[in-house]
């Protein structure tokens, strides 16, 4: 099991026109589970109908914890930045926090 922490930022629009489109098109695209496709810090992947994932940092843990009749093994912890999210993805994330992106951003940043 990996623990994953996501940061969401509006996509950076400093590049314009064809340069921004070309850069976005070079990012590999996957059907689902975008975060598990990232292996090295700095890698990016675009998950169809969701958004872009960028691996910011990772920490290997490889420890097991016994909780009642279960044993949970934590392989690693990853911090992943989300960008270019679809409206559906924003709503899905809201179900975890009960807040919109703007509300969460105002509290934590």
PDB file of N, CA and C in Angstrom:
ATOM      1  N   UNK A   1       0.842  -1.172   0.000  1.00  0.00           N
ATOM      2  CA  UNK A   1       0.000   0.000   0.000  1.00  0.00           C
ATOM      3  C   UNK A   1       0.884   1.230   0.000  1.00  0.00           C
ATOM      4  N   UNK A   2       0.499   2.217  -0.768  1.00  0.00           N
ATOM      5  CA  UNK A   2       1.179   3.506  -0.788  1.00  0.00           C
ATOM      6  C   UNK A   2       0.225   4.561  -0.273  1.00  0.00           C
ATOM      7  N   UNK A   3       0.724   5.467   0.529  1.00  0.00           N
ATOM      8  CA  UNK A   3      -0.064   6.625   0.931  1.00  0.00           C
ATOM      9  C   UNK A   3       0.263   7.732  -0.040  1.00  0.00           C
ATOM     10  N   UNK A   4      -0.763   8.388  -0.537  1.00  0.00           N
ATOM     11  CA  UNK A   4      -0.559   9.422  -1.531  1.00  0.00           C
ATOM     12  C   UNK A   4      -1.208  10.708  -1.059  1.00  0.00           C
ATOM     13  N   UNK A   5      -0.457  11.802  -1.083  1.00  0.00           N
ATOM     14  CA  UNK A   5      -0.988  13.126  -0.746  1.00  0.00           C
ATOM     15  C   UNK A   5      -1.005  13.940  -2.027  1.00  0.00           C
ATOM     16  N   UNK A   6      -2.131  14.561  -2.296  1.00  0.00           N
ATOM     17  CA  UNK A   6      -2.277  15.331  -3.520  1.00  0.00           C
ATOM     18  C   UNK A   6      -2.320  16.818  -3.223  1.00  0.00           C
ATOM     19  N   UNK A   7      -1.647  17.601  -4.041  1.00  0.00           N
ATOM     20  CA  UNK A   7      -1.753  19.056  -4.046  1.00  0.00           C
ATOM     21  C   UNK A   7      -2.457  19.411  -5.334  1.00  0.00           C
ATOM     22  N   UNK A   8      -3.399  20.334  -5.277  1.00  0.00           N
ATOM     23  CA  UNK A   8      -4.056  20.767  -6.504  1.00  0.00           C
ATOM     24  C   UNK A   8      -3.807  22.238  -6.721  1.00  0.00           C
ATOM     25  N   UNK A   9      -3.344  22.581  -7.898  1.00  0.00           N
ATOM     26  CA  UNK A   9      -3.134  23.963  -8.292  1.00  0.00           C
ATOM     27  C   UNK A   9      -3.753  24.144  -9.665  1.00  0.00           C
ATOM     28  N   UNK A  10      -4.341  25.320  -9.901  1.00  0.00           N
ATOM     29  CA  UNK A  10      -4.840  25.622 -11.242  1.00  0.00           C
ATOM     30  C   UNK A  10      -3.662  25.509 -12.194  1.00  0.00           C
ATOM     31  N   UNK A  11      -3.911  25.070 -13.423  1.00  0.00           N
ATOM     32  CA  UNK A  11      -2.805  24.869 -14.342  1.00  0.00           C
ATOM     33  C   UNK A  11      -2.109  26.196 -14.636  1.00  0.00           C
ATOM     34  N   UNK A  12      -0.828  26.110 -14.834  1.00  0.00           N
ATOM     35  CA  UNK A  12       0.007  27.284 -15.094  1.00  0.00           C
ATOM     36  C   UNK A  12      -0.186  27.716 -16.537  1.00  0.00           C
ATOM     37  N   UNK A  13      -0.692  28.920 -16.748  1.00  0.00           N
ATOM     38  CA  UNK A  13      -0.983  29.416 -18.089  1.00  0.00           C
ATOM     39  C   UNK A  13       0.050  30.452 -18.538  1.00  0.00           C
ATOM     40  N   UNK A  14       1.287  30.363 -18.050  1.00  0.00           N
ATOM     41  CA  UNK A  14       2.282  31.344 -18.431  1.00  0.00           C
ATOM     42  C   UNK A  14       2.731  31.157 -19.872  1.00  0.00           C
ATOM     43  N   UNK A  15       2.724  29.918 -20.373  1.00  0.00           N
ATOM     44  CA  UNK A  15       3.037  29.682 -21.773  1.00  0.00           C
ATOM     45  C   UNK A  15       1.757  29.862 -22.574  1.00  0.00           C
ATOM     46  N   UNK A  16       1.902  30.307 -23.814  1.00  0.00           N
ATOM     47  CA  UNK A  16       0.710  30.589 -24.605  1.00  0.00           C
ATOM     48  C   UNK A  16       0.708  29.806 -25.898  1.00  0.00           C
ATOM     49  N   UNK A  17      -0.490  29.622 -26.426  1.00  0.00           N
ATOM     50  CA  UNK A  17      -0.688  29.085 -27.761  1.00  0.00           C
ATOM     51  C   UNK A  17      -0.147  27.690 -27.970  1.00  0.00           C
ATOM     52  N   UNK A  18       0.523  27.513 -29.109  1.00  0.00           N
ATOM     53  CA  UNK A  18       0.987  26.194 -29.525  1.00  0.00           C
ATOM     54  C   UNK A  18       2.035  25.609 -28.587  1.00  0.00           C
ATOM     55  N   UNK A  19       2.875  26.444 -27.969  1.00  0.00           N
ATOM     56  CA  UNK A  19       3.903  25.934 -27.056  1.00  0.00           C
ATOM     57  C   UNK A  19       3.273  25.207 -25.873  1.00  0.00           C
ATOM     58  N   UNK A  20       2.241  25.785 -25.279  1.00  0.00           N
ATOM     59  CA  UNK A  20       1.568  25.160 -24.143  1.00  0.00           C
ATOM     60  C   UNK A  20       0.880  23.877 -24.581  1.00  0.00           C
ATOM     61  N   UNK A  21       0.234  23.890 -25.742  1.00  0.00           N
ATOM     62  CA  UNK A  21      -0.448  22.692 -26.236  1.00  0.00           C
ATOM     63  C   UNK A  21       0.554  21.582 -26.541  1.00  0.00           C
ATOM     64  N   UNK A  22       1.683  21.924 -27.139  1.00  0.00           N
ATOM     65  CA  UNK A  22       2.700  20.928 -27.470  1.00  0.00           C
ATOM     66  C   UNK A  22       3.269  20.302 -26.210  1.00  0.00           C
ATOM     67  N   UNK A  23       3.525  21.122 -25.199  1.00  0.00           N
ATOM     68  CA  UNK A  23       4.067  20.616 -23.936  1.00  0.00           C
ATOM     69  C   UNK A  23       3.079  19.658 -23.276  1.00  0.00           C
ATOM     70  N   UNK A  24       1.790  20.012 -23.272  1.00  0.00           N
ATOM     71  CA  UNK A  24       0.757  19.172 -22.674  1.00  0.00           C
ATOM     72  C   UNK A  24       0.608  17.857 -23.441  1.00  0.00           C
ATOM     73  N   UNK A  25       0.766  17.880 -24.761  1.00  0.00           N
ATOM     74  CA  UNK A  25       0.573  16.672 -25.557  1.00  0.00           C
ATOM     75  C   UNK A  25       1.706  15.672 -25.375  1.00  0.00           C
ATOM     76  N   UNK A  26       2.853  16.095 -24.844  1.00  0.00           N
ATOM     77  CA  UNK A  26       3.982  15.186 -24.620  1.00  0.00           C
ATOM     78  C   UNK A  26       3.827  14.372 -23.343  1.00  0.00           C
ATOM     79  N   UNK A  27       2.864  14.708 -22.516  1.00  0.00           N
ATOM     80  CA  UNK A  27       2.646  13.987 -21.261  1.00  0.00           C
ATOM     81  C   UNK A  27       1.924  12.684 -21.575  1.00  0.00           C
ATOM     82  N   UNK A  28       2.437  11.530 -21.100  1.00  0.00           N
ATOM     83  CA  UNK A  28       1.758  10.256 -21.358  1.00  0.00           C
ATOM     84  C   UNK A  28       0.338  10.271 -20.790  1.00  0.00           C
ATOM     85  N   UNK A  29      -0.581   9.607 -21.469  1.00  0.00           N
ATOM     86  CA  UNK A  29      -1.972   9.570 -21.027  1.00  0.00           C
ATOM     87  C   UNK A  29      -2.343   8.143 -20.661  1.00  0.00           C
ATOM     88  N   UNK A  30      -3.055   7.998 -19.518  1.00  0.00           N
ATOM     89  CA  UNK A  30      -3.500   6.691 -19.048  1.00  0.00           C
ATOM     90  C   UNK A  30      -5.002   6.721 -18.811  1.00  0.00           C
ATOM     91  N   UNK A  31      -5.603   5.557 -18.753  1.00  0.00           N
ATOM     92  CA  UNK A  31      -7.045   5.455 -18.558  1.00  0.00           C
ATOM     93  C   UNK A  31      -7.456   5.736 -17.109  1.00  0.00           C
ATOM     94  N   UNK A  32      -6.704   5.169 -16.136  1.00  0.00           N
ATOM     95  CA  UNK A  32      -7.080   5.323 -14.726  1.00  0.00           C
ATOM     96  C   UNK A  32      -5.866   5.163 -13.825  1.00  0.00           C
ATOM     97  N   UNK A  33      -6.062   5.459 -12.537  1.00  0.00           N
ATOM     98  CA  UNK A  33      -5.011   5.319 -11.516  1.00  0.00           C
ATOM     99  C   UNK A  33      -3.713   6.026 -11.900  1.00  0.00           C
ATOM    100  N   UNK A  34      -3.830   7.293 -12.262  1.00  0.00           N
ATOM    101  CA  UNK A  34      -2.677   8.065 -12.728  1.00  0.00           C
ATOM    102  C   UNK A  34      -1.490   8.052 -11.796  1.00  0.00           C
ATOM    103  N   UNK A  35      -1.722   8.140 -10.491  1.00  0.00           N
ATOM    104  CA  UNK A  35      -0.637   8.222  -9.528  1.00  0.00           C
ATOM    105  C   UNK A  35       0.274   7.013  -9.489  1.00  0.00           C
ATOM    106  N   UNK A  36      -0.253   5.824  -9.768  1.00  0.00           N
ATOM    107  CA  UNK A  36       0.596   4.626  -9.685  1.00  0.00           C
ATOM    108  C   UNK A  36       1.558   4.508 -10.860  1.00  0.00           C
ATOM    109  N   UNK A  37       1.354   5.286 -11.908  1.00  0.00           N
ATOM    110  CA  UNK A  37       2.233   5.241 -13.077  1.00  0.00           C
ATOM    111  C   UNK A  37       3.481   6.095 -12.899  1.00  0.00           C
ATOM    112  N   UNK A  38       3.541   6.891 -11.849  1.00  0.00           N
ATOM    113  CA  UNK A  38       4.673   7.783 -11.615  1.00  0.00           C
ATOM    114  C   UNK A  38       5.744   7.056 -10.814  1.00  0.00           C
ATOM    115  N   UNK A  39       6.955   7.017 -11.343  1.00  0.00           N
ATOM    116  CA  UNK A  39       8.050   6.304 -10.681  1.00  0.00           C
ATOM    117  C   UNK A  39       9.147   7.238 -10.181  1.00  0.00           C
ATOM    118  N   UNK A  40       9.445   8.315 -10.939  1.00  0.00           N
ATOM    119  CA  UNK A  40      10.536   9.224 -10.595  1.00  0.00           C
ATOM    120  C   UNK A  40       9.991  10.619 -10.316  1.00  0.00           C
ATOM    121  N   UNK A  41      10.613  11.313  -9.364  1.00  0.00           N
ATOM    122  CA  UNK A  41      10.226  12.686  -9.052  1.00  0.00           C
ATOM    123  C   UNK A  41      10.335  13.530 -10.321  1.00  0.00           C
ATOM    124  N   UNK A  42       9.294  14.316 -10.575  1.00  0.00           N
ATOM    125  CA  UNK A  42       9.250  15.165 -11.755  1.00  0.00           C
ATOM    126  C   UNK A  42       8.442  14.576 -12.896  1.00  0.00           C
ATOM    127  N   UNK A  43       8.187  13.270 -12.866  1.00  0.00           N
ATOM    128  CA  UNK A  43       7.392  12.646 -13.927  1.00  0.00           C
ATOM    129  C   UNK A  43       5.966  13.156 -13.891  1.00  0.00           C
ATOM    130  N   UNK A  44       5.346  13.202 -15.086  1.00  0.00           N
ATOM    131  CA  UNK A  44       3.956  13.623 -15.212  1.00  0.00           C
ATOM    132  C   UNK A  44       3.185  12.568 -15.993  1.00  0.00           C
ATOM    133  N   UNK A  45       1.901  12.483 -15.692  1.00  0.00           N
ATOM    134  CA  UNK A  45       1.011  11.621 -16.451  1.00  0.00           C
ATOM    135  C   UNK A  45      -0.366  12.278 -16.466  1.00  0.00           C
ATOM    136  N   UNK A  46      -1.058  12.151 -17.575  1.00  0.00           N
ATOM    137  CA  UNK A  46      -2.407  12.699 -17.706  1.00  0.00           C
ATOM    138  C   UNK A  46      -3.377  11.541 -17.648  1.00  0.00           C
ATOM    139  N   UNK A  47      -4.302  11.603 -16.693  1.00  0.00           N
ATOM    140  CA  UNK A  47      -5.336  10.574 -16.577  1.00  0.00           C
ATOM    141  C   UNK A  47      -6.565  11.058 -17.326  1.00  0.00           C
ATOM    142  N   UNK A  48      -7.009  10.281 -18.309  1.00  0.00           N
ATOM    143  CA  UNK A  48      -8.173  10.663 -19.121  1.00  0.00           C
ATOM    144  C   UNK A  48      -9.355  10.980 -18.221  1.00  0.00           C
ATOM    145  N   UNK A  49     -10.084  11.978 -18.589  1.00  0.00           N
ATOM    146  CA  UNK A  49     -11.288  12.448 -17.893  1.00  0.00           C
ATOM    147  C   UNK A  49     -11.043  12.845 -16.441  1.00  0.00           C
ATOM    148  N   UNK A  50      -9.769  13.122 -16.069  1.00  0.00           N
ATOM    149  CA  UNK A  50      -9.509  13.503 -14.682  1.00  0.00           C
ATOM    150  C   UNK A  50      -8.592  14.708 -14.583  1.00  0.00           C
ATOM    151  N   UNK A  51      -7.303  14.546 -14.926  1.00  0.00           N
ATOM    152  CA  UNK A  51      -6.362  15.655 -14.820  1.00  0.00           C
ATOM    153  C   UNK A  51      -4.926  15.195 -14.967  1.00  0.00           C
ATOM    154  N   UNK A  52      -3.985  16.095 -14.659  1.00  0.00           N
ATOM    155  CA  UNK A  52      -2.558  15.811 -14.773  1.00  0.00           C
ATOM    156  C   UNK A  52      -1.964  15.588 -13.383  1.00  0.00           C
ATOM    157  N   UNK A  53      -1.144  14.552 -13.254  1.00  0.00           N
ATOM    158  CA  UNK A  53      -0.486  14.190 -12.003  1.00  0.00           C
ATOM    159  C   UNK A  53       1.014  14.417 -12.172  1.00  0.00           C
ATOM    160  N   UNK A  54       1.655  15.072 -11.194  1.00  0.00           N
ATOM    161  CA  UNK A  54       3.103  15.280 -11.197  1.00  0.00           C
ATOM    162  C   UNK A  54       3.657  14.786  -9.867  1.00  0.00           C
ATOM    163  N   UNK A  55       4.617  13.873  -9.913  1.00  0.00           N
ATOM    164  CA  UNK A  55       5.221  13.356  -8.684  1.00  0.00           C
ATOM    165  C   UNK A  55       6.219  14.374  -8.149  1.00  0.00           C
ATOM    166  N   UNK A  56       5.939  14.920  -6.956  1.00  0.00           N
ATOM    167  CA  UNK A  56       6.794  15.940  -6.343  1.00  0.00           C
ATOM    168  C   UNK A  56       7.858  15.344  -5.439  1.00  0.00           C
ATOM    169  N   UNK A  57       7.485  14.318  -4.669  1.00  0.00           N
ATOM    170  CA  UNK A  57       8.467  13.647  -3.815  1.00  0.00           C
ATOM    171  C   UNK A  57       7.920  12.305  -3.371  1.00  0.00           C
ATOM    172  N   UNK A  58       8.832  11.438  -2.977  1.00  0.00           N
ATOM    173  CA  UNK A  58       8.448  10.107  -2.501  1.00  0.00           C
ATOM    174  C   UNK A  58       9.376   9.698  -1.364  1.00  0.00           C
ATOM    175  N   UNK A  59       8.840   8.942  -0.438  1.00  0.00           N
ATOM    176  CA  UNK A  59       9.623   8.469   0.711  1.00  0.00           C
ATOM    177  C   UNK A  59       9.322   6.994   0.909  1.00  0.00           C
ATOM    178  N   UNK A  60      10.343   6.168   0.839  1.00  0.00           N
ATOM    179  CA  UNK A  60      10.188   4.732   1.053  1.00  0.00           C
ATOM    180  C   UNK A  60       9.983   4.454   2.538  1.00  0.00           C
ATOM    181  N   UNK A  61       8.984   3.643   2.880  1.00  0.00           N
ATOM    182  CA  UNK A  61       8.676   3.330   4.279  1.00  0.00           C
ATOM    183  C   UNK A  61       8.908   1.840   4.567  1.00  0.00           C
ATOM    184  N   UNK A  62       8.248   0.967   3.818  1.00  0.00           N
ATOM    185  CA  UNK A  62       8.371  -0.494   3.955  1.00  0.00           C
ATOM    186  C   UNK A  62       8.251  -0.974   5.403  1.00  0.00           C
ATOM    187  N   UNK A  63       7.152  -0.601   6.048  1.00  0.00           N
ATOM    188  CA  UNK A  63       6.876  -1.047   7.411  1.00  0.00           C
ATOM    189  C   UNK A  63       5.472  -1.631   7.491  1.00  0.00           C
ATOM    190  N   UNK A  64       5.303  -2.581   8.388  1.00  0.00           N
ATOM    191  CA  UNK A  64       3.995  -3.190   8.615  1.00  0.00           C
ATOM    192  C   UNK A  64       3.483  -2.793   9.991  1.00  0.00           C
ATOM    193  N   UNK A  65       2.164  -2.596  10.061  1.00  0.00           N
ATOM    194  CA  UNK A  65       1.511  -2.217  11.310  1.00  0.00           C
ATOM    195  C   UNK A  65       0.361  -3.171  11.550  1.00  0.00           C
ATOM    196  N   UNK A  66       0.279  -3.692  12.766  1.00  0.00           N
ATOM    197  CA  UNK A  66      -0.805  -4.605  13.100  1.00  0.00           C
ATOM    198  C   UNK A  66      -1.928  -3.815  13.760  1.00  0.00           C
ATOM    199  N   UNK A  67      -3.108  -3.898  13.182  1.00  0.00           N
ATOM    200  CA  UNK A  67      -4.305  -3.236  13.703  1.00  0.00           C
ATOM    201  C   UNK A  67      -5.383  -4.297  13.849  1.00  0.00           C
ATOM    202  N   UNK A  68      -5.631  -4.699  15.098  1.00  0.00           N
ATOM    203  CA  UNK A  68      -6.613  -5.757  15.390  1.00  0.00           C
ATOM    204  C   UNK A  68      -6.263  -6.990  14.560  1.00  0.00           C
ATOM    205  N   UNK A  69      -7.214  -7.530  13.785  1.00  0.00           N
ATOM    206  CA  UNK A  69      -6.875  -8.738  13.024  1.00  0.00           C
ATOM    207  C   UNK A  69      -6.202  -8.437  11.674  1.00  0.00           C
ATOM    208  N   UNK A  70      -5.869  -7.181  11.414  1.00  0.00           N
ATOM    209  CA  UNK A  70      -5.263  -6.819  10.125  1.00  0.00           C
ATOM    210  C   UNK A  70      -3.802  -6.436  10.289  1.00  0.00           C
ATOM    211  N   UNK A  71      -3.052  -6.668   9.222  1.00  0.00           N
ATOM    212  CA  UNK A  71      -1.693  -6.154   9.131  1.00  0.00           C
ATOM    213  C   UNK A  71      -1.648  -5.281   7.885  1.00  0.00           C
ATOM    214  N   UNK A  72      -1.268  -4.020   8.078  1.00  0.00           N
ATOM    215  CA  UNK A  72      -1.189  -3.075   6.972  1.00  0.00           C
ATOM    216  C   UNK A  72       0.282  -2.787   6.713  1.00  0.00           C
ATOM    217  N   UNK A  73       0.701  -2.978   5.482  1.00  0.00           N
ATOM    218  CA  UNK A  73       2.077  -2.693   5.101  1.00  0.00           C
ATOM    219  C   UNK A  73       2.094  -1.426   4.251  1.00  0.00           C
ATOM    220  N   UNK A  74       2.876  -0.435   4.692  1.00  0.00           N
ATOM    221  CA  UNK A  74       3.024   0.808   3.952  1.00  0.00           C
ATOM    222  C   UNK A  74       4.330   0.717   3.170  1.00  0.00           C
ATOM    223  N   UNK A  75       4.202   0.723   1.857  1.00  0.00           N
ATOM    224  CA  UNK A  75       5.362   0.616   0.978  1.00  0.00           C
ATOM    225  C   UNK A  75       6.085   1.956   0.859  1.00  0.00           C
ATOM    226  N   UNK A  76       5.323   3.003   0.511  1.00  0.00           N
ATOM    227  CA  UNK A  76       5.921   4.317   0.384  1.00  0.00           C
ATOM    228  C   UNK A  76       4.848   5.389   0.528  1.00  0.00           C
ATOM    229  N   UNK A  77       5.325   6.624   0.643  1.00  0.00           N
ATOM    230  CA  UNK A  77       4.437   7.787   0.698  1.00  0.00           C
ATOM    231  C   UNK A  77       4.846   8.695  -0.454  1.00  0.00           C
ATOM    232  N   UNK A  78       3.843   9.167  -1.201  1.00  0.00           N
ATOM    233  CA  UNK A  78       4.107  10.032  -2.343  1.00  0.00           C
ATOM    234  C   UNK A  78       3.326  11.328  -2.223  1.00  0.00           C
ATOM    235  N   UNK A  79       3.954  12.418  -2.646  1.00  0.00           N
ATOM    236  CA  UNK A  79       3.251  13.700  -2.737  1.00  0.00           C
ATOM    237  C   UNK A  79       3.127  14.020  -4.217  1.00  0.00           C
ATOM    238  N   UNK A  80       1.874  14.146  -4.660  1.00  0.00           N
ATOM    239  CA  UNK A  80       1.583  14.324  -6.078  1.00  0.00           C
ATOM    240  C   UNK A  80       0.794  15.611  -6.270  1.00  0.00           C
ATOM    241  N   UNK A  81       1.221  16.416  -7.223  1.00  0.00           N
ATOM    242  CA  UNK A  81       0.511  17.650  -7.557  1.00  0.00           C
ATOM    243  C   UNK A  81      -0.509  17.349  -8.650  1.00  0.00           C
ATOM    244  N   UNK A  82      -1.721  17.844  -8.475  1.00  0.00           N
ATOM    245  CA  UNK A  82      -2.775  17.703  -9.472  1.00  0.00           C
ATOM    246  C   UNK A  82      -2.941  19.038 -10.187  1.00  0.00           C
ATOM    247  N   UNK A  83      -3.143  18.983 -11.487  1.00  0.00           N
ATOM    248  CA  UNK A  83      -3.416  20.198 -12.253  1.00  0.00           C
ATOM    249  C   UNK A  83      -4.327  19.851 -13.417  1.00  0.00           C
ATOM    250  N   UNK A  84      -4.881  20.879 -14.038  1.00  0.00           N
ATOM    251  CA  UNK A  84      -5.775  20.711 -15.193  1.00  0.00           C
ATOM    252  C   UNK A  84      -6.910  19.735 -14.906  1.00  0.00           C
ATOM    253  N   UNK A  85      -7.477  19.820 -13.699  1.00  0.00           N
ATOM    254  CA  UNK A  85      -8.552  18.900 -13.315  1.00  0.00           C
ATOM    255  C   UNK A  85      -9.844  19.211 -14.054  1.00  0.00           C
ATOM    256  N   UNK A  86     -10.576  18.161 -14.372  1.00  0.00           N
ATOM    257  CA  UNK A  86     -11.905  18.333 -14.950  1.00  0.00           C
ATOM    258  C   UNK A  86     -12.864  18.733 -13.836  1.00  0.00           C
ATOM    259  N   UNK A  87     -14.030  19.255 -14.204  1.00  0.00           N
ATOM    260  CA  UNK A  87     -15.037  19.623 -13.198  1.00  0.00           C
ATOM    261  C   UNK A  87     -15.481  18.399 -12.408  1.00  0.00           C
ATOM    262  N   UNK A  88     -15.569  17.238 -13.070  1.00  0.00           N
ATOM    263  CA  UNK A  88     -15.964  16.010 -12.389  1.00  0.00           C
ATOM    264  C   UNK A  88     -14.937  15.614 -11.322  1.00  0.00           C
ATOM    265  N   UNK A  89     -13.655  15.782 -11.642  1.00  0.00           N
ATOM    266  CA  UNK A  89     -12.598  15.459 -10.682  1.00  0.00           C
ATOM    267  C   UNK A  89     -12.656  16.385  -9.476  1.00  0.00           C
ATOM    268  N   UNK A  90     -12.916  17.673  -9.721  1.00  0.00           N
ATOM    269  CA  UNK A  90     -13.033  18.627  -8.614  1.00  0.00           C
ATOM    270  C   UNK A  90     -14.174  18.231  -7.687  1.00  0.00           C
ATOM    271  N   UNK A  91     -15.291  17.792  -8.249  1.00  0.00           N
ATOM    272  CA  UNK A  91     -16.425  17.358  -7.434  1.00  0.00           C
ATOM    273  C   UNK A  91     -16.091  16.099  -6.650  1.00  0.00           C
ATOM    274  N   UNK A  92     -15.358  15.180  -7.267  1.00  0.00           N
ATOM    275  CA  UNK A  92     -14.962  13.948  -6.575  1.00  0.00           C
ATOM    276  C   UNK A  92     -14.057  14.274  -5.391  1.00  0.00           C
ATOM    277  N   UNK A  93     -13.100  15.174  -5.578  1.00  0.00           N
ATOM    278  CA  UNK A  93     -12.217  15.569  -4.481  1.00  0.00           C
ATOM    279  C   UNK A  93     -13.000  16.248  -3.368  1.00  0.00           C
ATOM    280  N   UNK A  94     -14.020  17.004  -3.735  1.00  0.00           N
ATOM    281  CA  UNK A  94     -14.854  17.683  -2.743  1.00  0.00           C
ATOM    282  C   UNK A  94     -15.522  16.675  -1.813  1.00  0.00           C
ATOM    283  N   UNK A  95     -15.837  15.479  -2.330  1.00  0.00           N
ATOM    284  CA  UNK A  95     -16.483  14.459  -1.490  1.00  0.00           C
ATOM    285  C   UNK A  95     -15.557  13.983  -0.366  1.00  0.00           C
ATOM    286  N   UNK A  96     -14.232  14.119  -0.543  1.00  0.00           N
ATOM    287  CA  UNK A  96     -13.284  13.720   0.501  1.00  0.00           C
ATOM    288  C   UNK A  96     -13.149  14.760   1.596  1.00  0.00           C
ATOM    289  N   UNK A  97     -13.237  16.039   1.221  1.00  0.00           N
ATOM    290  CA  UNK A  97     -12.996  17.096   2.191  1.00  0.00           C
ATOM    291  C   UNK A  97     -14.257  17.828   2.616  1.00  0.00           C
ATOM    292  N   UNK A  98     -15.316  17.739   1.804  1.00  0.00           N
ATOM    293  CA  UNK A  98     -16.534  18.490   2.088  1.00  0.00           C
ATOM    294  C   UNK A  98     -16.401  19.953   1.741  1.00  0.00           C
ATOM    295  N   UNK A  99     -15.297  20.318   1.067  1.00  0.00           N
ATOM    296  CA  UNK A  99     -15.052  21.708   0.701  1.00  0.00           C
ATOM    297  C   UNK A  99     -14.702  21.794  -0.779  1.00  0.00           C
ATOM    298  N   UNK A 100     -14.981  22.947  -1.362  1.00  0.00           N
ATOM    299  CA  UNK A 100     -14.535  23.188  -2.728  1.00  0.00           C
ATOM    300  C   UNK A 100     -13.033  23.419  -2.704  1.00  0.00           C
ATOM    301  N   UNK A 101     -12.410  23.388  -3.876  1.00  0.00           N
ATOM    302  CA  UNK A 101     -10.983  23.668  -3.946  1.00  0.00           C
ATOM    303  C   UNK A 101     -10.672  25.037  -3.368  1.00  0.00           C
ATOM    304  N   UNK A 102     -11.486  26.026  -3.722  1.00  0.00           N
ATOM    305  CA  UNK A 102     -11.245  27.384  -3.257  1.00  0.00           C
ATOM    306  C   UNK A 102     -11.308  27.464  -1.732  1.00  0.00           C
ATOM    307  N   UNK A 103     -12.277  26.772  -1.102  1.00  0.00           N
ATOM    308  CA  UNK A 103     -12.380  26.771   0.360  1.00  0.00           C
ATOM    309  C   UNK A 103     -11.164  26.114   0.995  1.00  0.00           C
ATOM    310  N   UNK A 104     -10.759  24.949   0.476  1.00  0.00           N
ATOM    311  CA  UNK A 104      -9.594  24.247   1.030  1.00  0.00           C
ATOM    312  C   UNK A 104      -8.335  25.090   0.861  1.00  0.00           C
ATOM    313  N   UNK A 105      -8.190  25.711  -0.302  1.00  0.00           N
ATOM    314  CA  UNK A 105      -7.006  26.528  -0.574  1.00  0.00           C
ATOM    315  C   UNK A 105      -6.933  27.698   0.407  1.00  0.00           C
ATOM    316  N   UNK A 106      -8.070  28.334   0.686  1.00  0.00           N
ATOM    317  CA  UNK A 106      -8.055  29.483   1.584  1.00  0.00           C
ATOM    318  C   UNK A 106      -7.687  29.094   3.018  1.00  0.00           C
ATOM    319  N   UNK A 107      -7.996  27.877   3.428  1.00  0.00           N
ATOM    320  CA  UNK A 107      -7.648  27.418   4.778  1.00  0.00           C
ATOM    321  C   UNK A 107      -6.174  27.027   4.891  1.00  0.00           C
ATOM    322  N   UNK A 108      -5.682  26.274   3.895  1.00  0.00           N
ATOM    323  CA  UNK A 108      -4.344  25.691   4.001  1.00  0.00           C
ATOM    324  C   UNK A 108      -3.246  26.531   3.389  1.00  0.00           C
ATOM    325  N   UNK A 109      -3.600  27.513   2.567  1.00  0.00           N
ATOM    326  CA  UNK A 109      -2.565  28.338   1.943  1.00  0.00           C
ATOM    327  C   UNK A 109      -2.840  29.769   2.268  1.00  0.00           C
TER     328      UNK A 109
END
